[in-house]
Amino acid sequence: MTIFVRPARAEDKEQIAEWFVKTKHFEPELPKFPSTYTLCAFTKGKIVGFLVVQIEYEYQAVLRFIPNPEASELEKASASFELIKQAIFVGYSGGLTKIYFEGSDTGTNRIASHRFKQISANESQNIFENTNYPVYLLELKDLE
């Protein structure tokens, strides 16, 4: 199976929003933010997943993998691997110094903690470090 990566297109927006809800990601409006871009992983005839990349503070990015709910575990792992490699390339090109991969479910947590040993300089060490920090959300609209 070969996974290809391209920028998400305007016609992908509905699919991204639908999969955000189905995969229980907490910010379905995120792809619309001006500091965000989205990559698409696909095979011939099938979109396997999207990677939403949110640039923060001009030097770091937060990645959120949005898989096709009907994709196999192998397809999801392969797609996330290719998407994150592309995000790393873009990060180097854009001067980023940190990339966070948001572990939103057991699948993405497993991908971050195991799959990326394969591209690390030291194959026994994972390139993603578990921060052990919970993430808390404050939506400003809730204060009004």
N, C-alpha and C. Protein backbone atom coordinates (compact mmCIF):
# COMPACT_ATOMS: atom_id res chain seq x y z
N MET A 1 0.85 -1.18 0.00
CA MET A 1 0.00 0.00 0.00
C MET A 1 0.89 1.23 0.00
N THR A 2 0.63 2.12 -0.93
CA THR A 2 1.37 3.37 -1.01
C THR A 2 0.46 4.51 -0.58
N ILE A 3 0.96 5.32 0.35
CA ILE A 3 0.22 6.49 0.82
C ILE A 3 0.87 7.73 0.21
N PHE A 4 0.06 8.60 -0.35
CA PHE A 4 0.51 9.87 -0.90
C PHE A 4 0.01 10.99 -0.01
N VAL A 5 0.68 12.14 -0.05
CA VAL A 5 0.29 13.30 0.75
C VAL A 5 0.13 14.50 -0.17
N ARG A 6 -0.94 15.24 0.05
CA ARG A 6 -1.19 16.48 -0.68
C ARG A 6 -1.82 17.48 0.29
N PRO A 7 -1.84 18.77 -0.08
CA PRO A 7 -2.59 19.72 0.74
C PRO A 7 -4.08 19.39 0.65
N ALA A 8 -4.81 19.62 1.72
CA ALA A 8 -6.26 19.45 1.68
C ALA A 8 -6.84 20.49 0.73
N ARG A 9 -7.92 20.12 0.10
CA ARG A 9 -8.58 21.01 -0.86
C ARG A 9 -9.87 21.55 -0.27
N ALA A 10 -10.41 22.57 -0.91
CA ALA A 10 -11.68 23.17 -0.45
C ALA A 10 -12.78 22.12 -0.38
N GLU A 11 -12.81 21.20 -1.32
CA GLU A 11 -13.87 20.18 -1.32
C GLU A 11 -13.69 19.15 -0.21
N ASP A 12 -12.56 19.16 0.50
CA ASP A 12 -12.32 18.24 1.62
C ASP A 12 -12.92 18.76 2.93
N LYS A 13 -13.32 20.02 2.98
CA LYS A 13 -13.73 20.64 4.25
C LYS A 13 -14.87 19.91 4.94
N GLU A 14 -15.88 19.49 4.20
CA GLU A 14 -17.01 18.79 4.82
C GLU A 14 -16.57 17.45 5.40
N GLN A 15 -15.70 16.74 4.67
CA GLN A 15 -15.20 15.45 5.14
C GLN A 15 -14.38 15.62 6.41
N ILE A 16 -13.54 16.65 6.44
CA ILE A 16 -12.73 16.91 7.63
C ILE A 16 -13.63 17.17 8.83
N ALA A 17 -14.62 18.02 8.66
CA ALA A 17 -15.54 18.35 9.76
C ALA A 17 -16.30 17.11 10.23
N GLU A 18 -16.74 16.29 9.31
CA GLU A 18 -17.47 15.06 9.67
C GLU A 18 -16.57 14.10 10.45
N TRP A 19 -15.34 13.92 10.01
CA TRP A 19 -14.43 13.00 10.70
C TRP A 19 -13.98 13.56 12.03
N PHE A 20 -13.88 14.88 12.15
CA PHE A 20 -13.59 15.50 13.45
C PHE A 20 -14.62 15.04 14.47
N VAL A 21 -15.88 15.11 14.08
CA VAL A 21 -16.97 14.72 14.99
C VAL A 21 -16.94 13.22 15.26
N LYS A 22 -16.80 12.41 14.22
CA LYS A 22 -16.81 10.95 14.37
C LYS A 22 -15.64 10.45 15.21
N THR A 23 -14.50 11.12 15.13
CA THR A 23 -13.33 10.67 15.88
C THR A 23 -13.17 11.42 17.21
N LYS A 24 -14.17 12.23 17.53
CA LYS A 24 -14.27 12.91 18.83
C LYS A 24 -13.13 13.88 19.12
N HIS A 25 -12.66 14.57 18.10
CA HIS A 25 -11.71 15.65 18.31
C HIS A 25 -12.48 16.84 18.82
N PHE A 26 -11.87 17.63 19.67
CA PHE A 26 -12.64 18.63 20.39
C PHE A 26 -12.75 19.99 19.71
N GLU A 27 -12.15 20.20 18.59
CA GLU A 27 -12.20 21.52 17.96
C GLU A 27 -12.48 21.40 16.46
N PRO A 28 -13.73 21.13 16.07
CA PRO A 28 -14.01 20.93 14.65
C PRO A 28 -13.83 22.18 13.79
N GLU A 29 -13.75 23.35 14.39
CA GLU A 29 -13.54 24.59 13.63
C GLU A 29 -12.05 24.85 13.36
N LEU A 30 -11.18 24.07 13.96
CA LEU A 30 -9.74 24.30 13.87
C LEU A 30 -9.22 24.46 12.45
N PRO A 31 -9.63 23.62 11.49
CA PRO A 31 -9.09 23.80 10.13
C PRO A 31 -9.39 25.16 9.50
N LYS A 32 -10.32 25.91 10.06
CA LYS A 32 -10.67 27.22 9.52
C LYS A 32 -9.80 28.34 10.08
N PHE A 33 -9.02 28.07 11.12
CA PHE A 33 -8.21 29.10 11.75
C PHE A 33 -7.12 29.58 10.77
N PRO A 34 -6.79 30.88 10.78
CA PRO A 34 -5.80 31.39 9.82
C PRO A 34 -4.39 30.83 10.02
N SER A 35 -4.06 30.37 11.22
CA SER A 35 -2.72 29.84 11.49
C SER A 35 -2.64 28.34 11.27
N THR A 36 -3.62 27.79 10.57
CA THR A 36 -3.73 26.35 10.41
C THR A 36 -3.71 25.96 8.93
N TYR A 37 -3.03 24.85 8.63
CA TYR A 37 -3.16 24.25 7.31
C TYR A 37 -3.39 22.75 7.50
N THR A 38 -3.94 22.12 6.48
CA THR A 38 -4.31 20.71 6.58
C THR A 38 -3.70 19.93 5.43
N LEU A 39 -3.13 18.78 5.77
CA LEU A 39 -2.58 17.86 4.78
C LEU A 39 -3.53 16.67 4.66
N CYS A 40 -3.53 16.04 3.50
CA CYS A 40 -4.40 14.90 3.23
C CYS A 40 -3.56 13.70 2.84
N ALA A 41 -3.81 12.55 3.46
CA ALA A 41 -3.15 11.29 3.08
C ALA A 41 -4.17 10.46 2.31
N PHE A 42 -3.72 9.91 1.18
CA PHE A 42 -4.66 9.16 0.36
C PHE A 42 -3.96 8.02 -0.38
N THR A 43 -4.77 7.09 -0.77
CA THR A 43 -4.35 6.03 -1.69
C THR A 43 -5.18 6.22 -2.95
N LYS A 44 -4.98 5.41 -3.93
CA LYS A 44 -5.78 5.56 -5.15
C LYS A 44 -7.26 5.32 -4.81
N GLY A 45 -8.04 6.38 -4.91
CA GLY A 45 -9.47 6.26 -4.71
C GLY A 45 -9.96 6.37 -3.27
N LYS A 46 -9.07 6.63 -2.29
CA LYS A 46 -9.51 6.67 -0.90
C LYS A 46 -8.70 7.68 -0.10
N ILE A 47 -9.40 8.54 0.62
CA ILE A 47 -8.73 9.41 1.59
C ILE A 47 -8.62 8.63 2.89
N VAL A 48 -7.42 8.54 3.42
CA VAL A 48 -7.17 7.76 4.63
C VAL A 48 -7.20 8.63 5.88
N GLY A 49 -6.80 9.88 5.74
CA GLY A 49 -6.82 10.75 6.91
C GLY A 49 -6.30 12.14 6.58
N PHE A 50 -6.49 13.03 7.55
CA PHE A 50 -6.01 14.40 7.43
C PHE A 50 -5.12 14.71 8.62
N LEU A 51 -4.16 15.58 8.43
CA LEU A 51 -3.34 16.07 9.52
C LEU A 51 -3.54 17.57 9.58
N VAL A 52 -4.13 18.03 10.67
CA VAL A 52 -4.34 19.46 10.87
C VAL A 52 -3.12 19.98 11.62
N VAL A 53 -2.47 20.97 11.03
CA VAL A 53 -1.24 21.55 11.58
C VAL A 53 -1.55 22.99 11.99
N GLN A 54 -1.46 23.23 13.28
CA GLN A 54 -1.73 24.57 13.81
C GLN A 54 -0.40 25.18 14.26
N ILE A 55 -0.01 26.27 13.62
CA ILE A 55 1.22 26.97 13.97
C ILE A 55 0.93 27.89 15.15
N GLU A 56 1.74 27.77 16.18
CA GLU A 56 1.57 28.58 17.38
C GLU A 56 2.86 29.32 17.68
N TYR A 57 2.75 30.59 17.95
CA TYR A 57 3.89 31.43 18.35
C TYR A 57 5.01 31.45 17.33
N GLU A 58 4.76 31.12 16.10
CA GLU A 58 5.71 31.15 15.00
C GLU A 58 6.90 30.20 15.14
N TYR A 59 6.96 29.43 16.22
CA TYR A 59 8.08 28.50 16.34
C TYR A 59 7.67 27.09 16.73
N GLN A 60 6.39 26.86 16.95
CA GLN A 60 5.97 25.51 17.27
C GLN A 60 4.65 25.21 16.58
N ALA A 61 4.36 23.91 16.43
CA ALA A 61 3.13 23.48 15.78
C ALA A 61 2.50 22.37 16.60
N VAL A 62 1.18 22.30 16.55
CA VAL A 62 0.43 21.22 17.16
C VAL A 62 -0.22 20.44 16.02
N LEU A 63 0.01 19.13 16.01
CA LEU A 63 -0.53 18.26 14.96
C LEU A 63 -1.69 17.45 15.51
N ARG A 64 -2.75 17.36 14.71
CA ARG A 64 -3.91 16.54 15.08
C ARG A 64 -4.23 15.64 13.89
N PHE A 65 -4.15 14.35 14.10
CA PHE A 65 -4.44 13.38 13.04
C PHE A 65 -5.93 13.06 13.08
N ILE A 66 -6.58 13.23 11.95
CA ILE A 66 -8.01 12.96 11.82
C ILE A 66 -8.16 11.79 10.84
N PRO A 67 -8.31 10.56 11.35
CA PRO A 67 -8.37 9.41 10.45
C PRO A 67 -9.75 9.20 9.85
N ASN A 68 -9.76 8.55 8.71
CA ASN A 68 -11.00 8.06 8.13
C ASN A 68 -11.52 6.98 9.09
N PRO A 69 -12.72 7.13 9.64
CA PRO A 69 -13.22 6.13 10.58
C PRO A 69 -13.32 4.72 10.00
N GLU A 70 -13.35 4.62 8.68
CA GLU A 70 -13.45 3.31 8.03
C GLU A 70 -12.09 2.75 7.61
N ALA A 71 -11.03 3.48 7.86
CA ALA A 71 -9.69 3.02 7.48
C ALA A 71 -9.23 1.92 8.44
N SER A 72 -8.42 1.01 7.93
CA SER A 72 -7.85 -0.04 8.78
C SER A 72 -6.78 0.56 9.68
N GLU A 73 -6.38 -0.19 10.70
CA GLU A 73 -5.31 0.28 11.59
C GLU A 73 -4.01 0.47 10.82
N LEU A 74 -3.72 -0.43 9.88
CA LEU A 74 -2.52 -0.30 9.06
C LEU A 74 -2.59 0.96 8.21
N GLU A 75 -3.74 1.24 7.60
CA GLU A 75 -3.89 2.45 6.80
C GLU A 75 -3.71 3.70 7.66
N LYS A 76 -4.30 3.70 8.85
CA LYS A 76 -4.17 4.86 9.75
C LYS A 76 -2.72 5.08 10.16
N ALA A 77 -2.05 4.00 10.53
CA ALA A 77 -0.65 4.11 10.95
C ALA A 77 0.23 4.59 9.80
N SER A 78 0.02 4.03 8.61
CA SER A 78 0.81 4.43 7.45
C SER A 78 0.55 5.87 7.06
N ALA A 79 -0.72 6.27 7.10
CA ALA A 79 -1.08 7.64 6.74
C ALA A 79 -0.49 8.64 7.73
N SER A 80 -0.63 8.35 9.02
CA SER A 80 -0.10 9.29 10.02
C SER A 80 1.41 9.40 9.90
N PHE A 81 2.07 8.29 9.62
CA PHE A 81 3.52 8.28 9.45
C PHE A 81 3.93 9.21 8.30
N GLU A 82 3.27 9.07 7.15
CA GLU A 82 3.61 9.90 5.99
C GLU A 82 3.26 11.37 6.22
N LEU A 83 2.11 11.62 6.85
CA LEU A 83 1.70 13.00 7.12
C LEU A 83 2.66 13.70 8.08
N ILE A 84 3.07 13.01 9.12
CA ILE A 84 3.95 13.63 10.10
C ILE A 84 5.35 13.83 9.52
N LYS A 85 5.81 12.92 8.67
CA LYS A 85 7.08 13.16 7.99
C LYS A 85 7.00 14.45 7.15
N GLN A 86 5.87 14.65 6.49
CA GLN A 86 5.69 15.87 5.70
C GLN A 86 5.65 17.10 6.60
N ALA A 87 4.98 17.01 7.74
CA ALA A 87 4.91 18.13 8.68
C ALA A 87 6.30 18.46 9.23
N ILE A 88 7.12 17.45 9.44
CA ILE A 88 8.50 17.68 9.90
C ILE A 88 9.28 18.44 8.83
N PHE A 89 9.13 18.05 7.58
CA PHE A 89 9.79 18.76 6.49
C PHE A 89 9.34 20.22 6.44
N VAL A 90 8.03 20.45 6.50
CA VAL A 90 7.51 21.81 6.47
C VAL A 90 8.00 22.59 7.69
N GLY A 91 8.06 21.92 8.85
CA GLY A 91 8.57 22.56 10.06
C GLY A 91 9.99 23.04 9.91
N TYR A 92 10.83 22.20 9.36
CA TYR A 92 12.22 22.62 9.11
C TYR A 92 12.26 23.78 8.11
N SER A 93 11.44 23.71 7.09
CA SER A 93 11.41 24.76 6.07
C SER A 93 10.92 26.09 6.63
N GLY A 94 10.02 26.02 7.61
CA GLY A 94 9.42 27.22 8.16
C GLY A 94 10.05 27.73 9.44
N GLY A 95 11.11 27.09 9.89
CA GLY A 95 11.81 27.56 11.08
C GLY A 95 11.19 27.15 12.40
N LEU A 96 10.35 26.13 12.39
CA LEU A 96 9.77 25.66 13.66
C LEU A 96 10.84 24.98 14.51
N THR A 97 10.68 25.05 15.82
CA THR A 97 11.61 24.36 16.71
C THR A 97 10.96 23.23 17.49
N LYS A 98 9.61 23.22 17.57
CA LYS A 98 8.91 22.18 18.31
C LYS A 98 7.67 21.75 17.55
N ILE A 99 7.38 20.45 17.62
CA ILE A 99 6.15 19.92 17.06
C ILE A 99 5.51 19.04 18.12
N TYR A 100 4.28 19.35 18.47
CA TYR A 100 3.50 18.55 19.40
C TYR A 100 2.51 17.71 18.61
N PHE A 101 2.39 16.45 18.97
CA PHE A 101 1.42 15.57 18.34
C PHE A 101 0.35 15.30 19.38
N GLU A 102 -0.86 15.77 19.11
CA GLU A 102 -1.93 15.64 20.08
C GLU A 102 -2.46 14.21 20.09
N GLY A 103 -2.28 13.53 21.21
CA GLY A 103 -2.79 12.18 21.37
C GLY A 103 -4.23 12.22 21.82
N SER A 104 -5.14 12.15 20.86
CA SER A 104 -6.56 12.34 21.17
C SER A 104 -7.29 11.03 21.44
N ASP A 105 -6.67 9.91 21.14
CA ASP A 105 -7.30 8.62 21.43
C ASP A 105 -6.20 7.57 21.50
N THR A 106 -6.56 6.35 21.84
CA THR A 106 -5.54 5.31 22.01
C THR A 106 -4.79 5.04 20.71
N GLY A 107 -5.46 5.18 19.57
CA GLY A 107 -4.79 4.94 18.29
C GLY A 107 -3.70 5.95 18.01
N THR A 108 -4.01 7.23 18.18
CA THR A 108 -2.99 8.25 17.93
C THR A 108 -1.91 8.22 18.99
N ASN A 109 -2.26 7.88 20.22
CA ASN A 109 -1.24 7.74 21.26
C ASN A 109 -0.27 6.62 20.90
N ARG A 110 -0.79 5.50 20.42
CA ARG A 110 0.05 4.37 20.03
C ARG A 110 0.94 4.74 18.85
N ILE A 111 0.39 5.49 17.90
CA ILE A 111 1.17 5.92 16.74
C ILE A 111 2.34 6.78 17.20
N ALA A 112 2.06 7.75 18.07
CA ALA A 112 3.12 8.66 18.52
C ALA A 112 4.17 7.94 19.35
N SER A 113 3.76 6.97 20.15
CA SER A 113 4.71 6.33 21.06
C SER A 113 5.49 5.18 20.44
N HIS A 114 5.01 4.61 19.33
CA HIS A 114 5.70 3.45 18.77
C HIS A 114 6.15 3.64 17.31
N ARG A 115 5.30 4.15 16.49
CA ARG A 115 5.56 4.18 15.05
C ARG A 115 6.78 5.02 14.70
N PHE A 116 7.03 6.09 15.43
CA PHE A 116 8.06 7.02 15.03
C PHE A 116 9.46 6.64 15.49
N LYS A 117 9.62 5.50 16.10
CA LYS A 117 10.96 5.00 16.38
C LYS A 117 11.67 4.71 15.06
N GLN A 118 10.90 4.42 14.02
CA GLN A 118 11.48 4.03 12.75
C GLN A 118 12.21 5.17 12.04
N ILE A 119 11.88 6.43 12.35
CA ILE A 119 12.57 7.52 11.67
C ILE A 119 13.51 8.27 12.60
N SER A 120 13.63 7.81 13.82
CA SER A 120 14.53 8.43 14.78
C SER A 120 15.97 8.04 14.44
N ALA A 121 16.92 8.94 14.73
CA ALA A 121 18.33 8.63 14.52
C ALA A 121 18.74 7.44 15.38
N ASN A 122 18.17 7.33 16.57
CA ASN A 122 18.42 6.21 17.46
C ASN A 122 17.13 5.39 17.48
N GLU A 123 17.11 4.27 16.76
CA GLU A 123 15.86 3.53 16.56
C GLU A 123 15.28 2.94 17.84
N SER A 124 16.01 2.98 18.94
CA SER A 124 15.43 2.49 20.19
C SER A 124 14.77 3.63 20.97
N GLN A 125 14.89 4.83 20.45
CA GLN A 125 14.32 5.99 21.14
C GLN A 125 13.24 6.60 20.27
N ASN A 126 12.13 6.96 20.89
CA ASN A 126 11.02 7.57 20.18
C ASN A 126 11.33 9.04 19.92
N ILE A 127 10.94 9.57 18.76
CA ILE A 127 11.18 10.99 18.49
C ILE A 127 10.17 11.87 19.22
N PHE A 128 9.00 11.33 19.58
CA PHE A 128 8.04 12.10 20.37
C PHE A 128 8.24 11.81 21.84
N GLU A 129 8.33 12.83 22.62
CA GLU A 129 8.50 12.71 24.07
C GLU A 129 7.13 12.87 24.72
N ASN A 130 6.79 11.96 25.62
CA ASN A 130 5.54 12.10 26.37
C ASN A 130 5.72 13.21 27.39
N THR A 131 4.91 14.25 27.30
CA THR A 131 5.08 15.40 28.18
C THR A 131 4.47 15.17 29.55
N ASN A 132 3.57 14.21 29.68
CA ASN A 132 2.87 13.92 30.93
C ASN A 132 2.07 15.11 31.45
N TYR A 133 1.77 16.05 30.57
CA TYR A 133 0.96 17.19 30.97
C TYR A 133 -0.43 17.04 30.37
N PRO A 134 -1.46 17.14 31.20
CA PRO A 134 -2.81 17.12 30.63
C PRO A 134 -3.06 18.45 29.91
N VAL A 135 -3.96 18.44 28.97
CA VAL A 135 -4.32 19.65 28.25
C VAL A 135 -5.67 20.11 28.74
N TYR A 136 -5.78 21.39 29.09
CA TYR A 136 -7.03 21.98 29.54
C TYR A 136 -7.46 23.01 28.52
N LEU A 137 -8.74 23.14 28.33
CA LEU A 137 -9.28 24.03 27.32
C LEU A 137 -10.15 25.09 27.95
N LEU A 138 -9.92 26.33 27.58
CA LEU A 138 -10.78 27.45 27.95
C LEU A 138 -11.22 28.11 26.66
N GLU A 139 -12.52 28.10 26.42
CA GLU A 139 -13.05 28.79 25.26
C GLU A 139 -13.53 30.15 25.71
N LEU A 140 -12.99 31.21 25.13
CA LEU A 140 -13.30 32.56 25.55
C LEU A 140 -14.78 32.89 25.43
N LYS A 141 -15.44 32.29 24.44
CA LYS A 141 -16.88 32.56 24.28
C LYS A 141 -17.67 32.09 25.50
N ASP A 142 -17.12 31.12 26.26
CA ASP A 142 -17.82 30.62 27.45
C ASP A 142 -17.75 31.59 28.62
N LEU A 143 -16.89 32.60 28.52
CA LEU A 143 -16.76 33.57 29.61
C LEU A 143 -17.82 34.66 29.52
N GLU A 144 -18.46 34.78 28.39
CA GLU A 144 -19.44 35.87 28.19
C GLU A 144 -20.85 35.43 28.52
